[in-house]
Amino acid sequence: MTTATDVKAAETGTHKRRLMSNNDSMIFAGLVLFGILGPILFPNYTFQIAVLWLMVLFALTWDIMGGQMGYNSLGNIFFFGAGMYICAIVQVGLFTDVGAYTSVSGQGNFKFTPDQYYIGVAVGLVAAAIGSSLLAVALGWIVFGLRGPYFAIGT
C-alpha cells in the first residue's frame, strides 16, 4: 500500500531507498549473535554450527562471485579452497596433532574448548589470508609469464 508521501517522493525523485529494513536488520543481528554465541551455548553442536557457517559462506561467495558479479572462475575457487584448507589445518594443528585428528580409523576423541575454538579460528583465518596471498603471488608469477593462447588457457 502506497501513501501520499511515497507517491510525492516518487514523482519528485527524492525517494530514498533503504538497503535493509528494520526486520532485516534484526534477523541479521540475530544470526551474528548465534554465530558468536552458538558454540558457547551449544558446545555439543560446535561441529554442526561450523559446517552451517561454512555452507553459508559458500553460498554468499557463490552469490557474489557467480550471481551478482557474473564472474565465474576456477581461480577464485582454487584460492577459496586453499584458504579453507589452510585455516582448518592451522585451527586443528594449534591444539592437537593434525595426522591423528584426520586419521581414517577415527579412534581419537578430540574436544576443543570454546577458547581453543575461537583462537584457532582467528589464527586460522589470518594464516589462510597469508597463505592464499602467497599462492596467488607464486601462481601469478608463473601465469603472467605466459603469452598468447597459453595465457588464455592459464587464466
Foldseek 3Di string as FASTA:
>chain_A
DDDPVRVVCVVVVNDDDDPDDPVRVVVVVVVVCCLLCVCVVCVVCPVVSVVVVVVVVVVVVCCVQCNPVVHDDVLVVVLVVQLVVQLVCQLQVVPDDPCVCPDPVPPDDDGDDPVSNVVSNVVSNVRSVVVSVVVCVVLCVVLVVDDDVSNVVSD
